[in-house]
Protein backbone atom coordinates (compact mmCIF):
# COMPACT_ATOMS: atom_id res chain seq x y z
CA UNK A 1 -5.70 0.44 -16.71
CA UNK A 2 -2.92 2.88 -15.82
CA UNK A 3 0.02 0.75 -16.88
CA UNK A 4 0.76 -2.86 -17.71
CA UNK A 5 3.94 -2.78 -15.64
CA UNK A 6 2.59 -2.03 -12.18
CA UNK A 7 0.66 -4.14 -9.68
CA UNK A 8 -1.53 -3.09 -6.81
CA UNK A 9 -0.14 -4.55 -3.58
CA UNK A 10 -2.47 -4.43 -0.57
CA UNK A 11 -0.98 -5.20 2.83
CA UNK A 12 -3.32 -7.24 5.02
CA UNK A 13 -0.97 -8.56 7.67
CA UNK A 14 -0.62 -7.38 11.23
CA UNK A 15 -2.56 -8.13 14.39
CA UNK A 16 -5.04 -5.19 14.26
CA UNK A 17 -4.82 -4.88 18.04
CA UNK A 18 -6.39 -1.42 18.18
CA UNK A 19 -9.27 -2.38 15.91
CA UNK A 20 -9.84 -5.66 17.73
CA UNK A 21 -10.47 -7.71 14.56
CA UNK A 22 -8.85 -8.20 11.12
CA UNK A 23 -9.24 -4.89 9.34
CA UNK A 24 -9.34 -6.38 5.84
CA UNK A 25 -12.53 -8.27 6.75
CA UNK A 26 -14.44 -5.30 8.19
CA UNK A 27 -17.86 -4.94 6.53
CA UNK A 28 -17.84 -2.21 3.90
CA UNK A 29 -19.92 -1.07 0.98
CA UNK A 30 -19.79 -3.88 -1.56
CA UNK A 31 -18.50 -6.55 0.80
CA UNK A 32 -15.44 -6.27 3.03
CA UNK A 33 -12.96 -3.42 3.34
CA UNK A 34 -10.51 -5.16 1.04
CA UNK A 35 -13.29 -5.92 -1.48
CA UNK A 36 -14.11 -2.23 -1.64
CA UNK A 37 -10.50 -1.22 -2.23
CA UNK A 38 -10.12 -3.80 -4.99
CA UNK A 39 -13.41 -2.72 -6.58
CA UNK A 40 -12.35 0.95 -6.58
CA UNK A 41 -8.72 0.60 -7.63
CA UNK A 42 -8.05 -2.89 -8.95
CA UNK A 43 -8.96 -2.20 -12.57
CA UNK A 44 -6.23 0.46 -12.73
CA UNK A 45 -3.55 -2.22 -12.47
CA UNK A 46 -2.53 -5.33 -14.35
CA UNK A 47 -2.85 -7.47 -11.21
CA UNK A 48 -3.87 -7.23 -7.56
CA UNK A 49 -1.79 -8.88 -4.86
CA UNK A 50 -2.77 -9.15 -1.21
CA UNK A 51 0.08 -9.89 1.19
CA UNK A 52 -0.45 -11.37 4.64
CA UNK A 53 -0.49 -14.60 6.55
CA UNK A 54 -3.40 -17.07 6.56
CA UNK A 55 -5.75 -14.98 4.43
CA UNK A 56 -9.00 -16.35 3.07
CA UNK A 57 -10.54 -13.94 0.57
CA UNK A 58 -13.40 -14.23 -1.87
CA UNK A 59 -12.21 -11.93 -4.64
CA UNK A 60 -9.93 -11.95 -7.67
CA UNK A 61 -6.77 -10.91 -5.84
CA UNK A 62 -3.72 -13.13 -5.72
CA UNK A 63 -2.88 -13.96 -2.10
CA UNK A 64 0.77 -14.05 -1.05
CA UNK A 65 1.91 -15.39 2.31
CA UNK A 66 4.55 -13.51 4.26
CA UNK A 67 7.95 -14.96 3.39
CA UNK A 68 9.63 -13.84 6.61
CA UNK A 69 8.61 -13.84 10.26
CA UNK A 70 9.53 -10.28 11.27
CA UNK A 71 6.58 -8.17 12.42
CA UNK A 72 6.82 -5.20 10.07
CA UNK A 73 4.96 -4.05 6.96
CA UNK A 74 8.27 -4.39 5.13
CA UNK A 75 7.77 -8.16 5.12
CA UNK A 76 4.45 -7.72 3.30
CA UNK A 77 6.07 -5.34 0.83
CA UNK A 78 8.93 -7.76 0.22
CA UNK A 79 6.57 -10.71 -0.16
CA UNK A 80 4.44 -8.87 -2.71
CA UNK A 81 7.44 -7.58 -4.65
CA UNK A 82 8.89 -11.07 -4.87
CA UNK A 83 5.59 -12.44 -6.19
CA UNK A 84 4.79 -9.61 -8.60
CA UNK A 85 4.52 -10.30 -12.31
CA UNK A 86 5.36 -6.64 -12.99
CA UNK A 87 8.42 -4.46 -12.44
CA UNK A 88 6.71 -2.11 -9.98
CA UNK A 89 4.11 -2.24 -7.23
CA UNK A 90 1.90 0.45 -5.74
CA UNK A 91 1.58 -0.35 -2.04
CA UNK A 92 -1.33 0.55 0.22
CA UNK A 93 -2.71 -0.80 3.46
CA UNK A 94 -5.98 -2.71 3.64
CA UNK A 95 -7.26 0.00 5.98
CA UNK A 96 -6.92 2.85 3.45
CA UNK A 97 -10.31 3.04 1.67
CA UNK A 98 -10.03 6.62 0.41
CA UNK A 99 -6.99 6.47 -1.88
CA UNK A 100 -7.74 8.64 -4.91
CA UNK A 101 -7.07 7.45 -8.47
CA UNK A 102 -5.74 10.93 -9.23
CA UNK A 103 -3.01 10.47 -6.63
CA UNK A 104 -2.08 7.12 -8.18
CA UNK A 105 -1.83 8.72 -11.63
CA UNK A 106 0.40 11.48 -10.18
CA UNK A 107 2.79 9.04 -8.53
CA UNK A 108 3.00 6.85 -11.61
CA UNK A 109 3.73 9.89 -13.76
CA UNK A 110 6.88 10.42 -11.65
CA UNK A 111 8.12 6.84 -11.95
CA UNK A 112 10.96 6.39 -14.43
CA UNK A 113 14.36 4.73 -14.78
CA UNK A 114 16.05 7.30 -12.53
CA UNK A 115 14.25 6.25 -9.34
CA UNK A 116 13.45 3.15 -7.32
CA UNK A 117 10.70 4.58 -5.13
CA UNK A 118 8.15 7.36 -5.60
CA UNK A 119 6.92 8.47 -2.19
CA UNK A 120 4.47 11.16 -1.06
CA UNK A 121 5.65 13.60 1.59
CA UNK A 122 2.82 14.74 3.86
CA UNK A 123 3.37 17.20 6.71
CA UNK A 124 7.09 16.65 6.29
CA UNK A 125 6.97 12.86 6.58
CA UNK A 126 7.16 10.03 4.07
CA UNK A 127 4.00 8.01 3.44
CA UNK A 128 5.61 4.63 2.66
CA UNK A 129 2.29 2.76 2.61
CA UNK A 130 0.98 4.81 -0.28
CA UNK A 131 4.06 4.52 -2.47
CA UNK A 132 5.44 3.00 -5.66
CA UNK A 133 8.31 0.51 -5.25
CA UNK A 134 10.43 -0.93 -8.04
CA UNK A 135 10.63 -4.68 -7.53
CA UNK A 136 14.42 -4.60 -7.79
CA UNK A 137 14.44 -2.97 -4.32
CA UNK A 138 13.87 -6.44 -2.85
CA UNK A 139 17.60 -6.97 -2.30
CA UNK A 140 17.90 -3.73 -0.31
CA UNK A 141 14.85 -4.61 1.77
CA UNK A 142 16.24 -8.06 2.55
CA UNK A 143 19.62 -6.62 3.52
CA UNK A 144 17.92 -4.14 5.83
CA UNK A 145 15.77 -6.84 7.46
CA UNK A 146 18.85 -9.06 7.85
CA UNK A 147 20.48 -6.23 9.81
CA UNK A 148 17.50 -6.24 12.22
CA UNK A 149 15.89 -3.18 10.64
CA UNK A 150 12.13 -2.89 10.96
CA UNK A 151 11.14 0.70 10.07
CA UNK A 152 9.49 0.80 6.65
CA UNK A 153 11.53 3.82 5.55
CA UNK A 154 14.74 2.53 7.11
CA UNK A 155 16.22 1.32 3.83
CA UNK A 156 15.28 4.43 1.84
CA UNK A 157 18.79 5.89 2.07
CA UNK A 158 20.05 2.88 0.09
CA UNK A 159 17.80 3.49 -2.94
CA UNK A 160 16.94 6.29 -5.35
CA UNK A 161 13.94 8.30 -4.15
CA UNK A 162 11.61 10.70 -5.87
CA UNK A 163 9.57 12.72 -3.38
CA UNK A 164 6.14 14.06 -4.32
CA UNK A 165 5.28 17.07 -2.22
CA UNK A 166 2.03 17.77 -0.40
CA UNK A 167 1.32 20.88 -2.50
CA UNK A 168 1.26 18.76 -5.66
CA UNK A 169 -0.83 16.03 -4.07
CA UNK A 170 -3.48 18.52 -2.91
CA UNK A 171 -4.25 19.31 -6.54
CA UNK A 172 -5.68 15.77 -6.79
CA UNK A 173 -6.67 15.19 -3.16
CA UNK A 174 -7.31 18.54 -1.45
CA UNK A 175 -8.23 17.02 1.92
CA UNK A 176 -5.45 14.39 1.79
CA UNK A 177 -8.05 11.67 2.31
CA UNK A 178 -5.85 9.13 0.54
CA UNK A 179 -3.69 8.95 3.66
CA UNK A 180 -6.48 8.21 6.13
CA UNK A 181 -6.20 4.76 7.64
CA UNK A 182 -8.69 3.02 9.90
CA UNK A 183 -6.93 1.95 13.09
CA UNK A 184 -9.69 2.01 15.70
CA UNK A 185 -13.43 1.35 15.96
CA UNK A 186 -13.91 5.13 16.06
CA UNK A 187 -12.03 5.47 12.75
CA UNK A 188 -14.27 2.77 11.30
CA UNK A 189 -17.44 4.58 12.39
CA UNK A 190 -16.11 7.76 10.75
CA UNK A 191 -15.53 5.78 7.55
CA UNK A 192 -19.23 4.95 7.36
CA UNK A 193 -20.18 8.58 8.00
CA UNK A 194 -17.92 9.70 5.15
CA UNK A 195 -19.35 7.11 2.77
CA UNK A 196 -23.02 7.84 3.47
């Protein structure tokens, strides 16, 4: 386990329109896509939370329903933060099967009392779905959603950020595979090629 004060939060909401079926239930090595992620990363954390509406999973994760109706990953993040038994959550999507433990260790090593969020910066952009959030950011997220905000990074200016640069991340993940997500059937076929 990396730390007793951080949970793994997997986002499994959304309509998966480009994939054509729920991505968290895609067949994968060892069960479904979400089973594989939990098997690879779950033991690094004190708990595993899966956020999304109407989920039916056969694993040890704690399922949390979305607590708001807005269609944005921020609702999943907020729902998981509110339910977490820890002070921090590491957020990833259910379609991100290649996240490296070394990257997680790097991000956690940067988390301290001076920041609210530790976020990777890849090709000049934030990667908010592979990021550590302090649970006390829930108020800022709610305020942003109440103001009709939807962009995941839209509330970042209201909190204390620590950015982790691409050059540092490549020491642990040279090909930046942690940030690959499976959005289409073609992406899913490539996933199997990579894993074989």
